Amino acid sequence: MSGFESAVERYAEVGVDVESAMAKLAEIPISLHCWQGDDVGGFEAAGSELGGGLAVTGNYLGKARTPEELRQDMEAALSLLPGKHRLNLHAMYGEFGGQNIDRVQIEPKHFEPWIEWCASQGLGFDFNPTCFNHPKASDGFTLAHRDAGVREFWIEHCRRCREIGDNAGKKLGSKTVTNIWVPDGFKDTPADRLGPRERLRESLDAVFATPLEHNLDSVESKLFGIGSESYVAGSHEFYLGYAIANRTLYCLDAGHYHPTESIADKITSCLVWLDEILLHVSRGVRWDSDHVVTLTDDLLAIAREIVANGFLDRVHIGLDFFDASINRVAAWVIGTRSMRKALLIAMLEPSERIRADEGSGDYTSRLFRQENLRALPWGEVWAEVCRRSDIPEGEDALQVIKDYENRVLSHRR
């Protein structure tokens, strides 16, 4: 008997159909963020320092320098990832032909090569306005800026991003999630907390004024950032209220809350009031540091909340990390595999049986069964997922990454 066959029997003993879980896992798309591949650099002809509370550390060899190289690296990562996927692209990654195209001049044509690539790879497409790394964001404010002219600039940028997302969604036959995050906040204690939030609400209303058929709007909060340690206009309470009032998606980023908070606990709270939400799955180490996602208890809790509550069709899963201290392709592979492993483990849980224990007040059985699951051989099931997808598993996958580094990445200077 093979290890997988033994695992099927072990899970059957606790009431879990492994084949059903594997089939369900294969249908869940995960949105891969382009910015892991080039350290949040983008391809604009002119730019400034990263800023906006963002920082990337490390200088590992092989950073993508062009759209072609970035797509090549993402294809290398995708070749090691089972299941369905999407591309998550920022506006600064358009293809502008070396021209100085400002953020309020971007059009769908600047992103056609990306859309064509998604079609060729069988990927969906998600999008983000880039409201940082720009002279008009140099003081830390965009949509909540006190200057009406600056606000209008960023409103127009976000409008255009929605149209680009809508165009991609129409062409690819899958709605684009266009997520808005802005860095707006104060380094030190503000005298006026209300004004920026009122301006932010008015700006968002202007951005979302035109309904779009193939685009899903999302707003993303943050607790603090570098340069906005004391106040962020787009707080959790602000954006949750806005999303509920305006029926947008709300983005829960795993690094955007207090270190003792978990977004897993927020998923059910938000979905009581909202139809859908977006996740940016990251790993904060002491702060919003966006480390590569690993198979932590926090990640397992996130996956369990999605699966056990039947939210797979209401939660859009995207990744958000950027680590330049290790091989960037490996970072994508490690993070995405970890997310998919967490979902698989959640699907191998007899959640109805454990809920029945809880419903009857039998908390002893609930705890026993929860802990017993930790020892079951989910790794054998994961190995079978990879085998059926003709994807190397374990050390074999690492060797593929090392070979790609030697053949491709090591020649970039």
Protein backbone atom coordinates (compact mmCIF):
# COMPACT_ATOMS: atom_id res chain seq x y z
CA MET A 1 0.00 0.00 0.00
CA SER A 2 1.36 3.41 -0.96
CA GLY A 3 1.66 6.30 1.46
CA PHE A 4 -1.20 8.07 -0.30
CA GLU A 5 -3.47 5.03 -0.13
CA SER A 6 -2.74 4.74 3.57
CA ALA A 7 -3.56 8.42 4.03
CA VAL A 8 -6.89 7.97 2.23
CA GLU A 9 -7.79 5.21 4.69
CA ARG A 10 -6.70 7.23 7.72
CA TYR A 11 -8.82 10.20 6.69
CA ALA A 12 -11.78 7.97 5.85
CA GLU A 13 -11.72 6.80 9.46
CA VAL A 14 -12.51 10.35 10.60
CA GLY A 15 -15.10 10.91 7.88
CA VAL A 16 -13.06 12.79 5.27
CA ASP A 17 -13.19 12.07 1.52
CA VAL A 18 -9.66 12.81 0.31
CA GLU A 19 -10.51 12.73 -3.40
CA SER A 20 -13.27 15.28 -2.88
CA ALA A 21 -10.91 17.54 -0.97
CA MET A 22 -8.28 17.34 -3.71
CA ALA A 23 -10.84 18.13 -6.41
CA LYS A 24 -12.06 21.15 -4.48
CA LEU A 25 -8.52 22.40 -3.89
CA ALA A 26 -7.74 22.30 -7.61
CA GLU A 27 -10.50 24.82 -8.32
CA ILE A 28 -9.39 27.53 -5.87
CA PRO A 29 -7.48 30.37 -7.58
CA ILE A 30 -4.69 32.19 -5.76
CA SER A 31 -3.59 35.60 -7.01
CA LEU A 32 0.20 35.91 -7.36
CA HIS A 33 1.56 39.41 -6.83
CA CYS A 34 3.96 40.64 -9.48
CA TRP A 35 5.93 42.86 -7.11
CA GLN A 36 7.78 39.97 -5.45
CA GLY A 37 9.76 39.57 -8.67
CA ASP A 38 11.35 43.02 -8.86
CA ASP A 39 11.22 44.40 -5.31
CA VAL A 40 8.22 46.70 -5.97
CA GLY A 41 10.10 48.59 -8.68
CA GLY A 42 7.71 48.77 -11.62
CA PHE A 43 8.48 49.80 -15.18
CA GLU A 44 7.79 53.51 -15.34
CA ALA A 45 10.38 55.59 -17.16
CA ALA A 46 10.60 58.08 -14.32
CA GLY A 47 10.07 57.49 -10.63
CA SER A 48 11.24 58.34 -7.15
CA GLU A 49 12.23 56.35 -4.12
CA LEU A 50 9.77 53.63 -3.11
CA GLY A 51 8.31 55.47 -0.10
CA GLY A 52 4.69 55.27 0.98
CA GLY A 53 5.59 53.24 4.05
CA LEU A 54 7.07 50.46 1.89
CA ALA A 55 10.53 48.99 2.28
CA VAL A 56 12.24 46.02 0.62
CA THR A 57 15.39 44.54 2.14
CA GLY A 58 17.98 42.36 0.50
CA ASN A 59 19.86 42.32 -2.81
CA TYR A 60 19.68 38.73 -4.04
CA LEU A 61 20.86 38.19 -7.60
CA GLY A 62 18.49 38.02 -10.56
CA LYS A 63 15.90 40.75 -10.01
CA ALA A 64 13.59 41.14 -13.02
CA ARG A 65 14.44 44.30 -14.97
CA THR A 66 11.83 44.21 -17.73
CA PRO A 67 8.26 42.99 -18.18
CA GLU A 68 9.59 40.10 -20.24
CA GLU A 69 11.93 39.00 -17.47
CA LEU A 70 9.22 39.33 -14.85
CA ARG A 71 6.84 37.17 -16.89
CA GLN A 72 9.63 34.65 -17.47
CA ASP A 73 10.23 34.41 -13.72
CA MET A 74 6.54 34.08 -12.97
CA GLU A 75 6.29 31.25 -15.51
CA ALA A 76 9.14 29.51 -13.71
CA ALA A 77 7.22 29.82 -10.46
CA LEU A 78 3.91 28.73 -12.00
CA SER A 79 5.56 25.57 -13.34
CA LEU A 80 6.00 24.48 -9.71
CA LEU A 81 2.51 25.38 -8.50
CA PRO A 82 -0.51 23.07 -8.75
CA GLY A 83 -4.01 24.48 -9.17
CA LYS A 84 -5.52 27.62 -10.65
CA HIS A 85 -3.89 31.04 -10.38
CA ARG A 86 -4.33 34.72 -11.10
CA LEU A 87 -1.93 37.60 -11.72
CA ASN A 88 -2.03 40.55 -9.33
CA LEU A 89 -0.54 43.60 -11.06
CA HIS A 90 0.17 47.16 -9.91
CA ALA A 91 -0.37 50.11 -12.21
CA MET A 92 3.33 50.99 -12.27
CA TYR A 93 3.99 47.71 -14.12
CA GLY A 94 2.46 48.91 -17.38
CA GLU A 95 4.44 48.73 -20.60
CA PHE A 96 5.07 52.33 -21.58
CA GLY A 97 7.70 51.96 -24.29
CA GLY A 98 10.21 54.11 -22.43
CA GLN A 99 7.85 57.10 -22.45
CA ASN A 100 7.08 59.20 -19.38
CA ILE A 101 3.45 58.20 -18.99
CA ASP A 102 2.10 59.75 -15.81
CA ARG A 103 -0.35 57.92 -13.59
CA VAL A 104 -3.32 59.90 -14.93
CA GLN A 105 -2.40 58.96 -18.51
CA ILE A 106 -2.42 55.18 -18.22
CA GLU A 107 -4.82 53.30 -20.50
CA PRO A 108 -5.80 49.70 -21.14
CA LYS A 109 -3.36 49.56 -24.06
CA HIS A 110 -0.44 49.86 -21.65
CA PHE A 111 -1.45 46.56 -20.07
CA GLU A 112 -2.42 44.56 -23.15
CA PRO A 113 0.78 42.44 -23.10
CA TRP A 114 -0.03 41.40 -19.54
CA ILE A 115 -3.61 40.51 -20.45
CA GLU A 116 -2.44 38.51 -23.47
CA TRP A 117 0.07 36.71 -21.25
CA CYS A 118 -2.64 35.88 -18.71
CA ALA A 119 -4.77 34.44 -21.49
CA SER A 120 -1.87 32.30 -22.71
CA GLN A 121 -1.19 31.01 -19.20
CA GLY A 122 -4.82 30.44 -18.21
CA LEU A 123 -4.63 33.11 -15.50
CA GLY A 124 -7.15 35.55 -14.14
CA PHE A 125 -6.16 39.19 -13.63
CA ASP A 126 -6.31 41.47 -10.58
CA PHE A 127 -5.16 45.08 -10.41
CA ASN A 128 -4.10 47.90 -8.09
CA PRO A 129 -3.70 51.66 -8.42
CA THR A 130 -0.16 52.69 -7.46
CA CYS A 131 -0.69 55.52 -4.98
CA PHE A 132 2.95 55.78 -3.85
CA ASN A 133 6.39 56.27 -5.38
CA HIS A 134 5.31 59.52 -7.04
CA PRO A 135 6.00 63.24 -6.50
CA LYS A 136 2.31 63.85 -5.76
CA ALA A 137 2.51 61.36 -2.89
CA SER A 138 5.77 62.67 -1.45
CA ASP A 139 4.14 64.17 1.66
CA GLY A 140 2.32 60.95 2.51
CA PHE A 141 -1.16 61.92 1.30
CA THR A 142 -3.09 61.10 -1.88
CA LEU A 143 -6.89 60.67 -1.91
CA ALA A 144 -7.13 62.43 1.48
CA HIS A 145 -4.80 65.28 0.56
CA ARG A 146 -5.78 68.77 1.70
CA ASP A 147 -5.05 70.09 -1.82
CA ALA A 148 -8.05 69.50 -4.10
CA GLY A 149 -5.79 69.36 -7.17
CA VAL A 150 -3.70 66.55 -5.71
CA ARG A 151 -6.84 64.67 -4.71
CA GLU A 152 -8.22 64.98 -8.22
CA PHE A 153 -4.97 63.61 -9.65
CA TRP A 154 -5.28 60.45 -7.57
CA ILE A 155 -9.02 60.17 -8.17
CA GLU A 156 -8.34 60.17 -11.90
CA HIS A 157 -5.58 57.59 -11.49
CA CYS A 158 -7.91 55.27 -9.58
CA ARG A 159 -10.70 55.79 -12.11
CA ARG A 160 -8.38 54.75 -14.90
CA CYS A 161 -7.25 51.71 -12.94
CA ARG A 162 -10.85 50.58 -12.54
CA GLU A 163 -11.34 50.91 -16.30
CA ILE A 164 -8.17 48.90 -16.94
CA GLY A 165 -9.40 46.24 -14.54
CA ASP A 166 -12.79 46.17 -16.23
CA ASN A 167 -11.18 45.79 -19.66
CA ALA A 168 -9.06 42.87 -18.44
CA GLY A 169 -12.01 41.20 -16.75
CA LYS A 170 -14.06 41.40 -19.92
CA LYS A 171 -11.30 39.99 -22.11
CA LEU A 172 -10.39 37.15 -19.77
CA GLY A 173 -13.94 36.21 -18.81
CA SER A 174 -13.27 36.55 -15.09
CA LYS A 175 -13.94 39.68 -13.04
CA THR A 176 -10.92 41.70 -11.98
CA VAL A 177 -10.53 42.63 -8.34
CA THR A 178 -9.18 46.19 -8.33
CA ASN A 179 -7.94 46.99 -4.83
CA ILE A 180 -7.25 50.51 -3.57
CA TRP A 181 -4.67 51.10 -0.86
CA VAL A 182 -3.35 54.57 -0.07
CA PRO A 183 -0.60 55.48 2.44
CA ASP A 184 -2.33 58.61 3.73
CA GLY A 185 -1.36 59.36 7.32
CA PHE A 186 0.75 61.34 9.77
CA LYS A 187 4.08 60.47 11.34
CA ASP A 188 3.23 62.35 14.52
CA THR A 189 0.03 63.09 16.44
CA PRO A 190 -2.49 64.90 14.21
CA ALA A 191 -4.60 67.85 15.29
CA ASP A 192 -7.43 66.87 12.92
CA ARG A 193 -8.35 63.21 12.56
CA LEU A 194 -11.73 63.83 10.94
CA GLY A 195 -10.81 66.03 7.98
CA PRO A 196 -8.63 63.54 6.10
CA ARG A 197 -11.24 60.82 6.54
CA GLU A 198 -14.01 63.02 5.20
CA ARG A 199 -11.85 63.90 2.19
CA LEU A 200 -10.96 60.22 1.68
CA ARG A 201 -14.64 59.27 1.69
CA GLU A 202 -15.46 61.97 -0.87
CA SER A 203 -12.58 60.89 -3.09
CA LEU A 204 -13.61 57.24 -2.97
CA ASP A 205 -17.18 58.19 -3.85
CA ALA A 206 -15.83 59.99 -6.92
CA VAL A 207 -13.62 57.02 -7.89
CA PHE A 208 -16.50 54.53 -7.67
CA ALA A 209 -19.16 56.77 -9.22
CA THR A 210 -19.40 54.77 -12.46
CA PRO A 211 -20.54 51.13 -12.12
CA LEU A 212 -18.43 48.62 -14.07
CA GLU A 213 -19.58 45.16 -15.11
CA HIS A 214 -16.32 43.23 -15.16
CA ASN A 215 -14.59 44.80 -12.18
CA LEU A 216 -14.91 44.25 -8.42
CA ASP A 217 -13.91 47.22 -6.25
CA SER A 218 -11.99 46.65 -3.03
CA VAL A 219 -10.62 48.95 -0.30
CA GLU A 220 -7.73 48.11 2.02
CA SER A 221 -7.01 49.41 5.50
CA LYS A 222 -3.81 49.67 7.52
CA LEU A 223 -2.91 50.18 11.17
CA PHE A 224 0.30 52.18 10.60
CA GLY A 225 3.25 52.47 8.28
CA ILE A 226 6.69 54.00 8.05
CA GLY A 227 5.91 57.72 8.06
CA SER A 228 2.35 57.17 9.29
CA GLU A 229 3.08 55.73 12.72
CA SER A 230 0.60 57.93 14.59
CA TYR A 231 -2.39 58.13 12.25
CA VAL A 232 -3.72 56.44 9.13
CA ALA A 233 -6.81 57.94 7.49
CA GLY A 234 -7.88 54.59 6.01
CA SER A 235 -8.14 52.65 9.24
CA HIS A 236 -9.90 49.31 9.73
CA GLU A 237 -13.01 50.98 11.11
CA PHE A 238 -13.10 53.54 8.31
CA TYR A 239 -12.84 51.06 5.46
CA LEU A 240 -15.05 48.40 6.97
CA GLY A 241 -17.75 51.02 7.37
CA TYR A 242 -17.18 52.27 3.83
CA ALA A 243 -17.30 48.77 2.35
CA ILE A 244 -20.55 47.93 4.15
CA ALA A 245 -22.18 51.23 3.21
CA ASN A 246 -21.10 51.07 -0.44
CA ARG A 247 -21.07 47.28 -1.06
CA THR A 248 -17.44 47.12 -2.11
CA LEU A 249 -15.09 44.32 -1.16
CA TYR A 250 -13.00 44.85 1.94
CA CYS A 251 -9.36 43.74 1.84
CA LEU A 252 -7.96 42.07 4.95
CA ASP A 253 -4.16 42.20 4.81
CA ALA A 254 -2.49 39.86 7.30
CA GLY A 255 0.13 42.47 8.18
CA HIS A 256 -2.11 45.49 8.58
CA TYR A 257 -3.33 44.99 12.13
CA HIS A 258 -1.92 44.83 15.63
CA PRO A 259 0.63 41.98 15.94
CA THR A 260 -1.67 40.16 18.37
CA GLU A 261 -4.60 40.24 15.93
CA SER A 262 -5.33 37.58 13.34
CA ILE A 263 -7.35 38.28 10.21
CA ALA A 264 -8.77 34.75 10.56
CA ASP A 265 -11.05 36.02 13.31
CA LYS A 266 -12.18 38.93 11.14
CA ILE A 267 -13.32 36.84 8.16
CA THR A 268 -16.64 35.68 9.60
CA SER A 269 -17.32 39.10 11.15
CA CYS A 270 -16.89 40.83 7.80
CA LEU A 271 -18.86 38.26 5.81
CA VAL A 272 -21.87 38.66 8.08
CA TRP A 273 -22.18 42.12 6.52
CA LEU A 274 -20.43 41.87 3.15
CA ASP A 275 -21.02 39.65 0.13
CA GLU A 276 -17.33 39.15 -0.61
CA ILE A 277 -13.92 40.07 0.76
CA LEU A 278 -10.33 40.10 -0.48
CA LEU A 279 -7.37 38.66 1.43
CA HIS A 280 -3.79 39.83 1.09
CA VAL A 281 -2.00 36.95 2.77
CA SER A 282 1.36 37.96 4.15
CA ARG A 283 3.52 37.25 7.19
CA GLY A 284 4.38 40.13 9.45
CA VAL A 285 7.33 39.68 11.77
CA ARG A 286 6.79 42.13 14.63
CA TRP A 287 5.28 44.60 12.15
CA ASP A 288 3.93 44.79 8.60
CA SER A 289 7.15 43.41 7.16
CA ASP A 290 5.60 41.28 4.41
CA HIS A 291 7.76 38.20 4.89
CA VAL A 292 7.24 35.19 2.63
CA VAL A 293 4.14 33.24 3.65
CA THR A 294 4.92 30.02 5.52
CA LEU A 295 2.75 27.29 7.01
CA THR A 296 2.19 28.99 10.37
CA ASP A 297 -0.71 28.61 12.78
CA ASP A 298 -2.00 31.99 11.58
CA LEU A 299 -2.11 30.77 7.98
CA LEU A 300 -3.82 27.53 9.00
CA ALA A 301 -6.43 29.53 10.92
CA ILE A 302 -7.12 31.73 7.89
CA ALA A 303 -7.61 28.72 5.62
CA ARG A 304 -9.81 26.95 8.14
CA GLU A 305 -12.17 29.92 8.49
CA ILE A 306 -12.60 30.09 4.73
CA VAL A 307 -13.15 26.36 4.20
CA ALA A 308 -15.10 25.37 7.31
CA ASN A 309 -17.61 28.17 6.82
CA GLY A 310 -18.16 27.50 3.12
CA PHE A 311 -16.67 30.82 2.03
CA LEU A 312 -14.58 29.62 -0.91
CA ASP A 313 -16.82 31.47 -3.38
CA ARG A 314 -16.92 34.65 -1.25
CA VAL A 315 -13.23 35.11 -0.44
CA HIS A 316 -10.67 36.20 -3.03
CA ILE A 317 -7.22 34.97 -1.98
CA GLY A 318 -4.18 37.01 -2.96
CA LEU A 319 -0.61 37.02 -1.71
CA ASP A 320 1.36 40.10 -0.67
CA PHE A 321 5.02 39.82 0.32
CA PHE A 322 8.34 40.97 -1.07
CA ASP A 323 11.63 39.47 0.03
CA ALA A 324 14.82 40.38 -1.81
CA SER A 325 17.08 38.43 0.53
CA ILE A 326 16.31 35.06 -1.12
CA ASN A 327 15.67 33.75 -4.62
CA ARG A 328 12.57 35.64 -5.73
CA VAL A 329 11.12 32.73 -7.71
CA ALA A 330 11.55 30.52 -4.66
CA ALA A 331 9.68 33.10 -2.58
CA TRP A 332 6.65 32.84 -4.89
CA VAL A 333 6.81 29.04 -4.81
CA ILE A 334 7.20 28.78 -1.04
CA GLY A 335 4.47 31.30 -0.30
CA THR A 336 1.93 30.00 -2.79
CA ARG A 337 2.52 26.37 -1.88
CA SER A 338 2.10 27.26 1.79
CA MET A 339 -1.25 28.91 1.08
CA ARG A 340 -2.43 25.94 -0.93
CA LYS A 341 -1.18 23.46 1.69
CA ALA A 342 -3.12 25.37 4.37
CA LEU A 343 -6.28 25.15 2.26
CA LEU A 344 -5.73 21.42 1.74
CA ILE A 345 -5.29 20.82 5.47
CA ALA A 346 -8.52 22.73 6.11
CA MET A 347 -10.33 20.61 3.53
CA LEU A 348 -9.10 17.45 5.23
CA GLU A 349 -10.83 18.44 8.45
CA PRO A 350 -14.16 16.77 9.36
CA SER A 351 -15.61 20.17 10.17
CA GLU A 352 -19.22 19.03 10.39
CA ARG A 353 -18.33 16.35 12.95
CA ILE A 354 -16.36 18.85 15.04
CA ARG A 355 -19.14 21.44 14.79
CA ALA A 356 -21.59 18.79 15.98
CA ASP A 357 -19.40 18.22 19.05
CA GLU A 358 -19.48 21.92 19.75
CA GLY A 359 -23.19 22.19 19.12
CA SER A 360 -23.91 19.46 21.67
CA GLY A 361 -21.62 21.02 24.24
CA ASP A 362 -19.07 18.21 23.97
CA TYR A 363 -15.99 20.38 24.07
CA THR A 364 -13.83 17.43 25.11
CA SER A 365 -14.45 15.65 21.80
CA ARG A 366 -14.06 18.91 19.90
CA LEU A 367 -10.57 19.51 21.33
CA PHE A 368 -9.54 15.86 20.98
CA ARG A 369 -10.51 15.72 17.31
CA GLN A 370 -8.90 19.08 16.54
CA GLU A 371 -5.61 17.91 18.02
CA ASN A 372 -5.82 14.42 16.49
CA LEU A 373 -5.94 15.96 13.02
CA ARG A 374 -2.46 17.40 13.48
CA ALA A 375 -0.97 13.89 13.31
CA LEU A 376 -2.82 12.76 10.19
CA PRO A 377 -0.73 12.38 7.00
CA TRP A 378 -1.77 15.44 5.01
CA GLY A 379 1.75 15.52 3.54
CA GLU A 380 1.04 12.33 1.60
CA VAL A 381 -2.05 13.96 0.13
CA TRP A 382 -0.06 17.06 -0.84
CA ALA A 383 2.55 14.89 -2.54
CA GLU A 384 -0.24 13.25 -4.55
CA VAL A 385 -1.60 16.67 -5.54
CA CYS A 386 1.82 17.49 -6.99
CA ARG A 387 2.17 14.11 -8.70
CA ARG A 388 -1.18 14.45 -10.43
CA SER A 389 -0.24 17.92 -11.61
CA ASP A 390 3.11 16.58 -12.89
CA ILE A 391 4.88 19.04 -10.62
CA PRO A 392 8.01 18.20 -8.63
CA GLU A 393 7.53 18.03 -4.88
CA GLY A 394 9.96 18.58 -2.02
CA GLU A 395 13.69 18.75 -2.79
CA ASP A 396 13.04 18.13 -6.49
CA ALA A 397 11.24 21.46 -6.73
CA LEU A 398 14.14 23.22 -5.02
CA GLN A 399 16.51 21.74 -7.58
CA VAL A 400 14.39 23.15 -10.41
CA ILE A 401 14.63 26.59 -8.80
CA LYS A 402 18.40 26.28 -8.38
CA ASP A 403 18.79 25.21 -12.01
CA TYR A 404 16.75 28.25 -13.14
CA GLU A 405 18.94 30.48 -11.00
CA ASN A 406 22.08 29.09 -12.61
CA ARG A 407 20.72 29.25 -16.17
CA VAL A 408 18.86 32.58 -16.02
CA LEU A 409 19.01 34.65 -12.87
CA SER A 410 22.76 34.50 -12.34
CA HIS A 411 23.32 36.18 -15.74
CA ARG A 412 21.37 39.31 -14.81
CA ARG A 413 23.48 42.20 -13.64
